[in-house]
């Protein structure tokens, strides 16, 4: 079941990204209703195109649980995952995905790419969207206004 407190923590992570001039996306992974990993986009900081918030928390969670499978975990993300992240989430067998804001351009679930309708997939997590959507939108707008 969704927990807005977990999304609030993901939003705090997104703010950390914004504070260091990264696209403000944050993510947390929960196991047994407790946060086991949290992170934010770090592409520029790490000079790594794969350093998305989701990839970072997947890595941390796998290390913490000593497993490549996160089948009893949920992930909370401030923006709909891209294809890379959605595929990684599927490969990790994450049980549920909660995200705040749809990504009309790069979103892999319900927006642009339709990963589960257009591509074969090993595992389809339960997907819930629109949680704290306006808070995520505010951070994204703040970031992109500073760039224009």
N, C-alpha and C. Protein backbone atom coordinates (compact mmCIF):
# COMPACT_ATOMS: atom_id res chain seq x y z
N UNK A 1 0.84 -1.19 0.00
CA UNK A 1 0.00 0.00 0.00
C UNK A 1 0.87 1.24 0.00
N UNK A 2 0.43 2.26 -0.65
CA UNK A 2 1.23 3.47 -0.76
C UNK A 2 1.37 4.18 0.59
N UNK A 3 2.46 4.87 0.74
CA UNK A 3 2.73 5.63 1.94
C UNK A 3 3.29 6.98 1.49
N UNK A 4 2.52 8.05 1.70
CA UNK A 4 2.96 9.37 1.26
C UNK A 4 4.23 9.81 1.98
N UNK A 5 4.50 9.28 3.18
CA UNK A 5 5.74 9.61 3.86
C UNK A 5 6.95 9.14 3.07
N UNK A 6 6.83 8.01 2.40
CA UNK A 6 7.92 7.52 1.57
C UNK A 6 8.12 8.43 0.37
N UNK A 7 7.03 8.90 -0.22
CA UNK A 7 7.16 9.84 -1.35
C UNK A 7 7.72 11.17 -0.86
N UNK A 8 7.36 11.57 0.34
CA UNK A 8 7.93 12.80 0.89
C UNK A 8 9.45 12.67 1.02
N UNK A 9 9.92 11.51 1.42
CA UNK A 9 11.37 11.30 1.50
C UNK A 9 11.99 11.33 0.11
N UNK A 10 11.32 10.77 -0.88
CA UNK A 10 11.82 10.84 -2.25
C UNK A 10 11.89 12.30 -2.71
N UNK A 11 10.91 13.10 -2.32
CA UNK A 11 10.93 14.53 -2.65
C UNK A 11 12.09 15.25 -1.96
N UNK A 12 12.41 14.87 -0.75
CA UNK A 12 13.58 15.44 -0.07
C UNK A 12 14.86 15.09 -0.82
N UNK A 13 14.91 13.88 -1.34
CA UNK A 13 16.06 13.47 -2.15
C UNK A 13 16.12 14.29 -3.43
N UNK A 14 14.97 14.54 -4.04
CA UNK A 14 14.93 15.36 -5.26
C UNK A 14 15.43 16.78 -4.96
N UNK A 15 15.09 17.30 -3.81
CA UNK A 15 15.57 18.63 -3.41
C UNK A 15 17.10 18.62 -3.29
N UNK A 16 17.67 17.53 -2.80
CA UNK A 16 19.13 17.42 -2.72
C UNK A 16 19.75 17.51 -4.12
N UNK A 17 19.09 16.87 -5.08
CA UNK A 17 19.57 16.96 -6.46
C UNK A 17 19.50 18.40 -6.95
N UNK A 18 18.39 19.04 -6.71
CA UNK A 18 18.21 20.43 -7.11
C UNK A 18 19.29 21.32 -6.49
N UNK A 19 19.61 21.06 -5.25
CA UNK A 19 20.61 21.86 -4.53
C UNK A 19 22.00 21.79 -5.15
N UNK A 20 22.29 20.70 -5.88
CA UNK A 20 23.60 20.58 -6.53
C UNK A 20 23.47 20.69 -8.06
N UNK A 21 22.38 21.30 -8.51
CA UNK A 21 22.14 21.58 -9.93
C UNK A 21 22.00 20.33 -10.78
N UNK A 22 21.37 19.31 -10.21
CA UNK A 22 20.99 18.11 -10.95
C UNK A 22 19.49 18.17 -11.21
N UNK A 23 19.03 17.45 -12.21
CA UNK A 23 17.59 17.35 -12.43
C UNK A 23 16.99 16.77 -11.15
N UNK A 24 15.99 17.43 -10.57
CA UNK A 24 15.49 17.05 -9.25
C UNK A 24 14.61 15.81 -9.23
N UNK A 25 15.26 14.67 -9.25
CA UNK A 25 14.55 13.40 -9.16
C UNK A 25 15.14 12.63 -7.98
N UNK A 26 14.25 12.15 -7.12
CA UNK A 26 14.66 11.37 -5.97
C UNK A 26 13.92 10.06 -5.94
N UNK A 27 14.51 9.10 -5.22
CA UNK A 27 13.89 7.78 -5.11
C UNK A 27 14.24 7.14 -3.78
N UNK A 28 13.31 6.33 -3.29
CA UNK A 28 13.56 5.51 -2.10
C UNK A 28 13.04 4.11 -2.38
N UNK A 29 13.66 3.14 -1.75
CA UNK A 29 13.17 1.76 -1.81
C UNK A 29 12.85 1.33 -0.39
N UNK A 30 11.70 0.66 -0.28
CA UNK A 30 11.27 0.16 1.02
C UNK A 30 11.24 -1.36 1.02
N UNK A 31 11.49 -1.91 2.19
CA UNK A 31 11.42 -3.34 2.44
C UNK A 31 10.78 -3.51 3.81
N UNK A 32 9.74 -4.30 3.87
CA UNK A 32 8.99 -4.51 5.11
C UNK A 32 8.57 -3.17 5.73
N UNK A 33 8.09 -2.29 4.84
CA UNK A 33 7.54 -0.98 5.22
C UNK A 33 8.56 -0.05 5.88
N UNK A 34 9.86 -0.23 5.55
CA UNK A 34 10.92 0.65 6.05
C UNK A 34 11.83 1.02 4.89
N UNK A 35 12.29 2.25 4.89
CA UNK A 35 13.22 2.69 3.85
C UNK A 35 14.56 2.00 4.06
N UNK A 36 15.05 1.35 2.99
CA UNK A 36 16.36 0.71 3.06
C UNK A 36 17.39 1.43 2.20
N UNK A 37 16.93 2.27 1.27
CA UNK A 37 17.85 3.02 0.43
C UNK A 37 17.16 4.28 -0.08
N UNK A 38 17.94 5.33 -0.22
CA UNK A 38 17.42 6.57 -0.78
C UNK A 38 18.55 7.26 -1.54
N UNK A 39 18.17 7.93 -2.62
CA UNK A 39 19.17 8.62 -3.42
C UNK A 39 18.49 9.60 -4.36
N UNK A 40 19.30 10.25 -5.18
CA UNK A 40 18.82 11.25 -6.11
C UNK A 40 19.70 11.22 -7.35
N UNK A 41 19.26 11.93 -8.40
CA UNK A 41 20.04 11.99 -9.63
C UNK A 41 21.42 12.55 -9.34
N UNK A 42 22.44 11.89 -9.91
CA UNK A 42 23.82 12.33 -9.71
C UNK A 42 24.63 12.23 -11.00
N UNK A 43 23.95 12.42 -12.13
CA UNK A 43 24.61 12.29 -13.43
C UNK A 43 25.79 13.24 -13.58
N UNK A 44 25.55 14.51 -13.32
CA UNK A 44 26.61 15.51 -13.49
C UNK A 44 27.70 15.35 -12.44
N UNK A 45 27.28 15.17 -11.21
CA UNK A 45 28.23 15.03 -10.10
C UNK A 45 29.17 13.86 -10.34
N UNK A 46 28.63 12.72 -10.74
CA UNK A 46 29.43 11.51 -10.92
C UNK A 46 29.96 11.35 -12.34
N UNK A 47 29.56 12.27 -13.23
CA UNK A 47 29.92 12.15 -14.65
C UNK A 47 29.60 10.75 -15.16
N UNK A 48 28.33 10.37 -14.91
CA UNK A 48 27.84 9.02 -15.22
C UNK A 48 26.41 9.13 -15.73
N UNK A 49 26.22 8.81 -16.98
CA UNK A 49 24.88 8.93 -17.58
C UNK A 49 23.87 7.96 -16.98
N UNK A 50 24.33 6.94 -16.27
CA UNK A 50 23.41 5.98 -15.66
C UNK A 50 23.12 6.29 -14.19
N UNK A 51 23.62 7.39 -13.67
CA UNK A 51 23.46 7.70 -12.25
C UNK A 51 22.10 8.34 -11.96
N UNK A 52 21.06 7.71 -12.47
CA UNK A 52 19.70 8.15 -12.17
C UNK A 52 19.35 7.73 -10.75
N UNK A 53 18.42 8.42 -10.14
CA UNK A 53 18.01 8.13 -8.76
C UNK A 53 17.61 6.67 -8.60
N UNK A 54 16.86 6.15 -9.57
CA UNK A 54 16.38 4.77 -9.49
C UNK A 54 17.53 3.77 -9.52
N UNK A 55 18.48 3.98 -10.40
CA UNK A 55 19.62 3.07 -10.52
C UNK A 55 20.42 3.09 -9.22
N UNK A 56 20.61 4.28 -8.68
CA UNK A 56 21.37 4.41 -7.43
C UNK A 56 20.69 3.64 -6.30
N UNK A 57 19.36 3.78 -6.14
CA UNK A 57 18.69 3.08 -5.02
C UNK A 57 18.59 1.58 -5.28
N UNK A 58 18.49 1.17 -6.52
CA UNK A 58 18.50 -0.26 -6.81
C UNK A 58 19.84 -0.87 -6.39
N UNK A 59 20.93 -0.21 -6.75
CA UNK A 59 22.25 -0.72 -6.37
C UNK A 59 22.41 -0.80 -4.86
N UNK A 60 22.03 0.27 -4.18
CA UNK A 60 22.15 0.30 -2.72
C UNK A 60 21.29 -0.79 -2.06
N UNK A 61 20.09 -0.97 -2.57
CA UNK A 61 19.18 -1.97 -2.00
C UNK A 61 19.68 -3.39 -2.23
N UNK A 62 20.17 -3.66 -3.42
CA UNK A 62 20.71 -4.99 -3.70
C UNK A 62 21.89 -5.29 -2.78
N UNK A 63 22.75 -4.30 -2.56
CA UNK A 63 23.88 -4.49 -1.65
C UNK A 63 23.39 -4.73 -0.23
N UNK A 64 22.42 -3.92 0.19
CA UNK A 64 21.91 -4.04 1.57
C UNK A 64 21.27 -5.41 1.82
N UNK A 65 20.51 -5.89 0.84
CA UNK A 65 19.82 -7.17 0.99
C UNK A 65 20.65 -8.35 0.49
N UNK A 66 21.83 -8.06 -0.04
CA UNK A 66 22.72 -9.09 -0.55
C UNK A 66 22.02 -9.98 -1.58
N UNK A 67 21.35 -9.32 -2.52
CA UNK A 67 20.59 -10.04 -3.53
C UNK A 67 20.42 -9.16 -4.77
N UNK A 68 20.31 -9.80 -5.91
CA UNK A 68 20.01 -9.04 -7.13
C UNK A 68 18.50 -8.92 -7.35
N UNK A 69 17.74 -9.55 -6.50
CA UNK A 69 16.28 -9.52 -6.59
C UNK A 69 15.69 -8.74 -5.42
N UNK A 70 14.76 -7.87 -5.74
CA UNK A 70 14.10 -7.03 -4.74
C UNK A 70 12.59 -7.28 -4.77
N UNK A 71 12.22 -8.54 -4.84
CA UNK A 71 10.82 -8.92 -5.05
C UNK A 71 9.88 -8.55 -3.91
N UNK A 72 10.40 -8.27 -2.74
CA UNK A 72 9.55 -7.85 -1.63
C UNK A 72 9.71 -6.36 -1.34
N UNK A 73 10.20 -5.63 -2.32
CA UNK A 73 10.46 -4.20 -2.15
C UNK A 73 9.54 -3.35 -3.02
N UNK A 74 9.37 -2.11 -2.58
CA UNK A 74 8.63 -1.10 -3.34
C UNK A 74 9.58 0.06 -3.60
N UNK A 75 9.35 0.77 -4.70
CA UNK A 75 10.15 1.95 -5.01
C UNK A 75 9.23 3.15 -5.17
N UNK A 76 9.65 4.27 -4.61
CA UNK A 76 8.95 5.55 -4.69
C UNK A 76 9.85 6.51 -5.44
N UNK A 77 9.33 7.10 -6.51
CA UNK A 77 10.14 7.95 -7.39
C UNK A 77 9.36 9.23 -7.68
N UNK A 78 10.07 10.34 -7.78
CA UNK A 78 9.40 11.62 -7.99
C UNK A 78 9.02 11.87 -9.45
N UNK A 79 9.56 11.08 -10.37
CA UNK A 79 9.22 11.21 -11.79
C UNK A 79 9.10 9.82 -12.40
N UNK A 80 8.18 9.66 -13.31
CA UNK A 80 8.01 8.39 -14.00
C UNK A 80 9.35 7.93 -14.59
N UNK A 81 9.74 6.69 -14.35
CA UNK A 81 11.04 6.21 -14.82
C UNK A 81 11.17 6.20 -16.34
N UNK A 82 12.42 6.39 -16.79
CA UNK A 82 12.75 6.25 -18.20
C UNK A 82 12.85 4.75 -18.53
N UNK A 83 13.07 4.43 -19.79
CA UNK A 83 13.18 3.02 -20.19
C UNK A 83 14.31 2.29 -19.48
N UNK A 84 15.47 2.94 -19.33
CA UNK A 84 16.59 2.30 -18.64
C UNK A 84 16.20 1.93 -17.23
N UNK A 85 15.63 2.88 -16.51
CA UNK A 85 15.29 2.64 -15.10
C UNK A 85 14.13 1.65 -14.97
N UNK A 86 13.15 1.76 -15.84
CA UNK A 86 12.01 0.84 -15.79
C UNK A 86 12.47 -0.59 -16.06
N UNK A 87 13.39 -0.76 -16.98
CA UNK A 87 13.93 -2.09 -17.26
C UNK A 87 14.70 -2.62 -16.06
N UNK A 88 15.53 -1.77 -15.45
CA UNK A 88 16.28 -2.20 -14.26
C UNK A 88 15.33 -2.57 -13.12
N UNK A 89 14.27 -1.80 -12.93
CA UNK A 89 13.27 -2.09 -11.90
C UNK A 89 12.62 -3.45 -12.17
N UNK A 90 12.32 -3.71 -13.44
CA UNK A 90 11.74 -4.99 -13.82
C UNK A 90 12.71 -6.14 -13.58
N UNK A 91 13.96 -5.96 -13.98
CA UNK A 91 14.97 -7.01 -13.79
C UNK A 91 15.21 -7.30 -12.31
N UNK A 92 15.06 -6.29 -11.47
CA UNK A 92 15.23 -6.48 -10.02
C UNK A 92 13.98 -7.10 -9.39
N UNK A 93 12.92 -7.20 -10.16
CA UNK A 93 11.65 -7.78 -9.70
C UNK A 93 10.99 -6.98 -8.57
N UNK A 94 11.16 -5.66 -8.60
CA UNK A 94 10.52 -4.81 -7.59
C UNK A 94 9.01 -5.04 -7.64
N UNK A 95 8.40 -5.14 -6.49
CA UNK A 95 6.98 -5.49 -6.41
C UNK A 95 6.06 -4.37 -6.86
N UNK A 96 6.28 -3.15 -6.33
CA UNK A 96 5.41 -2.02 -6.65
C UNK A 96 6.24 -0.78 -6.95
N UNK A 97 5.76 -0.01 -7.93
CA UNK A 97 6.37 1.27 -8.29
C UNK A 97 5.34 2.36 -8.03
N UNK A 98 5.75 3.35 -7.25
CA UNK A 98 4.94 4.54 -7.00
C UNK A 98 5.71 5.73 -7.55
N UNK A 99 5.07 6.51 -8.40
CA UNK A 99 5.76 7.72 -8.87
C UNK A 99 4.83 8.91 -8.81
N UNK A 100 5.46 10.08 -8.70
CA UNK A 100 4.70 11.31 -8.51
C UNK A 100 4.21 11.89 -9.83
N UNK A 101 5.12 12.19 -10.71
CA UNK A 101 4.82 12.98 -11.90
C UNK A 101 5.07 12.17 -13.17
N UNK A 102 4.11 12.22 -14.09
CA UNK A 102 4.29 11.56 -15.39
C UNK A 102 5.35 12.31 -16.19
N UNK A 103 6.09 11.57 -17.00
CA UNK A 103 7.09 12.15 -17.89
C UNK A 103 6.64 11.91 -19.32
N UNK A 104 5.99 12.91 -19.89
CA UNK A 104 5.37 12.77 -21.22
C UNK A 104 6.39 12.47 -22.32
N UNK A 105 7.63 12.90 -22.11
CA UNK A 105 8.65 12.74 -23.14
C UNK A 105 9.42 11.42 -23.03
N UNK A 106 9.81 11.03 -21.81
CA UNK A 106 10.66 9.86 -21.64
C UNK A 106 10.05 8.78 -20.76
N UNK A 107 8.88 8.99 -20.21
CA UNK A 107 8.27 8.03 -19.29
C UNK A 107 8.08 6.66 -19.92
N UNK A 108 8.38 5.63 -19.15
CA UNK A 108 8.35 4.28 -19.70
C UNK A 108 7.10 3.49 -19.37
N UNK A 109 6.33 3.93 -18.40
CA UNK A 109 5.18 3.14 -17.98
C UNK A 109 3.89 3.56 -18.67
N UNK A 110 3.43 4.73 -18.36
CA UNK A 110 2.11 5.15 -18.82
C UNK A 110 2.14 6.33 -19.79
N UNK A 111 3.30 6.89 -20.01
CA UNK A 111 3.37 8.11 -20.82
C UNK A 111 3.84 7.84 -22.24
N UNK A 112 5.13 7.92 -22.46
CA UNK A 112 5.66 7.92 -23.83
C UNK A 112 5.96 6.54 -24.41
N UNK A 113 6.52 5.66 -23.63
CA UNK A 113 7.11 4.45 -24.21
C UNK A 113 6.36 3.15 -23.98
N UNK A 114 5.49 3.07 -23.01
CA UNK A 114 4.69 1.88 -22.80
C UNK A 114 5.48 0.59 -22.76
N UNK A 115 6.43 0.51 -21.85
CA UNK A 115 7.35 -0.64 -21.80
C UNK A 115 6.62 -1.98 -21.75
N UNK A 116 5.51 -2.06 -21.08
CA UNK A 116 4.84 -3.35 -20.93
C UNK A 116 3.89 -3.66 -22.07
N UNK A 117 3.62 -2.68 -22.92
CA UNK A 117 2.80 -2.95 -24.09
C UNK A 117 3.64 -3.03 -25.36
N UNK A 118 4.78 -2.35 -25.38
CA UNK A 118 5.60 -2.30 -26.59
C UNK A 118 6.84 -3.19 -26.56
N UNK A 119 7.23 -3.66 -25.39
CA UNK A 119 8.47 -4.43 -25.27
C UNK A 119 8.21 -5.66 -24.41
N UNK A 120 8.91 -6.75 -24.68
CA UNK A 120 8.78 -7.92 -23.80
C UNK A 120 9.40 -7.58 -22.44
N UNK A 121 8.87 -8.19 -21.40
CA UNK A 121 9.38 -7.90 -20.07
C UNK A 121 9.33 -9.15 -19.22
N UNK A 122 10.31 -9.30 -18.36
CA UNK A 122 10.34 -10.44 -17.46
C UNK A 122 9.33 -10.30 -16.33
N UNK A 123 9.20 -9.11 -15.82
CA UNK A 123 8.39 -8.88 -14.63
C UNK A 123 7.68 -7.54 -14.74
N UNK A 124 6.40 -7.52 -14.46
CA UNK A 124 5.65 -6.28 -14.47
C UNK A 124 5.24 -5.94 -13.04
N UNK A 125 5.83 -4.88 -12.48
CA UNK A 125 5.44 -4.48 -11.12
C UNK A 125 4.06 -3.82 -11.13
N UNK A 126 3.45 -3.75 -9.98
CA UNK A 126 2.25 -2.93 -9.83
C UNK A 126 2.70 -1.48 -9.95
N UNK A 127 1.93 -0.66 -10.63
CA UNK A 127 2.33 0.73 -10.87
C UNK A 127 1.23 1.67 -10.38
N UNK A 128 1.65 2.67 -9.59
CA UNK A 128 0.74 3.69 -9.06
C UNK A 128 1.35 5.05 -9.34
N UNK A 129 0.54 5.97 -9.85
CA UNK A 129 1.08 7.28 -10.22
C UNK A 129 0.28 8.41 -9.58
N UNK A 130 0.84 9.61 -9.66
CA UNK A 130 0.16 10.81 -9.21
C UNK A 130 0.27 11.11 -7.72
N UNK A 131 1.16 10.43 -7.02
CA UNK A 131 1.31 10.63 -5.57
C UNK A 131 2.21 11.85 -5.35
N UNK A 132 1.69 12.88 -4.71
CA UNK A 132 2.44 14.13 -4.47
C UNK A 132 2.90 14.76 -5.79
N UNK A 133 2.08 14.64 -6.80
CA UNK A 133 2.41 15.11 -8.15
C UNK A 133 2.77 16.59 -8.19
N UNK A 134 1.99 17.43 -7.51
CA UNK A 134 2.24 18.88 -7.57
C UNK A 134 3.57 19.26 -6.93
N UNK A 135 3.98 18.53 -5.91
CA UNK A 135 5.27 18.81 -5.27
C UNK A 135 6.43 18.50 -6.22
N UNK A 136 6.32 17.40 -6.93
CA UNK A 136 7.35 17.04 -7.89
C UNK A 136 7.37 18.02 -9.05
N UNK A 137 6.21 18.39 -9.52
CA UNK A 137 6.11 19.36 -10.62
C UNK A 137 6.78 20.68 -10.24
N UNK A 138 6.56 21.12 -9.02
CA UNK A 138 7.16 22.37 -8.54
C UNK A 138 8.69 22.30 -8.63
N UNK A 139 9.28 21.21 -8.16
CA UNK A 139 10.74 21.08 -8.21
C UNK A 139 11.25 21.05 -9.65
N UNK A 140 10.56 20.34 -10.52
CA UNK A 140 10.98 20.26 -11.92
C UNK A 140 10.89 21.64 -12.58
N UNK A 141 9.80 22.34 -12.34
CA UNK A 141 9.64 23.67 -12.93
C UNK A 141 10.70 24.63 -12.41
N UNK A 142 11.00 24.54 -11.14
CA UNK A 142 12.04 25.40 -10.54
C UNK A 142 13.39 25.14 -11.21
N UNK A 143 13.73 23.90 -11.41
CA UNK A 143 14.99 23.55 -12.06
C UNK A 143 15.04 24.08 -13.49
N UNK A 144 14.02 23.79 -14.28
CA UNK A 144 14.07 24.15 -15.69
C UNK A 144 13.92 25.65 -15.91
N UNK A 145 13.23 26.36 -15.04
CA UNK A 145 13.17 27.82 -15.14
C UNK A 145 14.55 28.42 -14.94
N UNK A 146 15.36 27.81 -14.08
CA UNK A 146 16.71 28.33 -13.84
C UNK A 146 17.62 28.10 -15.04
N UNK A 147 17.22 27.23 -15.94
CA UNK A 147 18.04 26.91 -17.11
C UNK A 147 17.67 27.75 -18.33
N UNK A 148 16.54 28.43 -18.26
CA UNK A 148 16.07 29.18 -19.44
C UNK A 148 16.27 30.66 -19.27
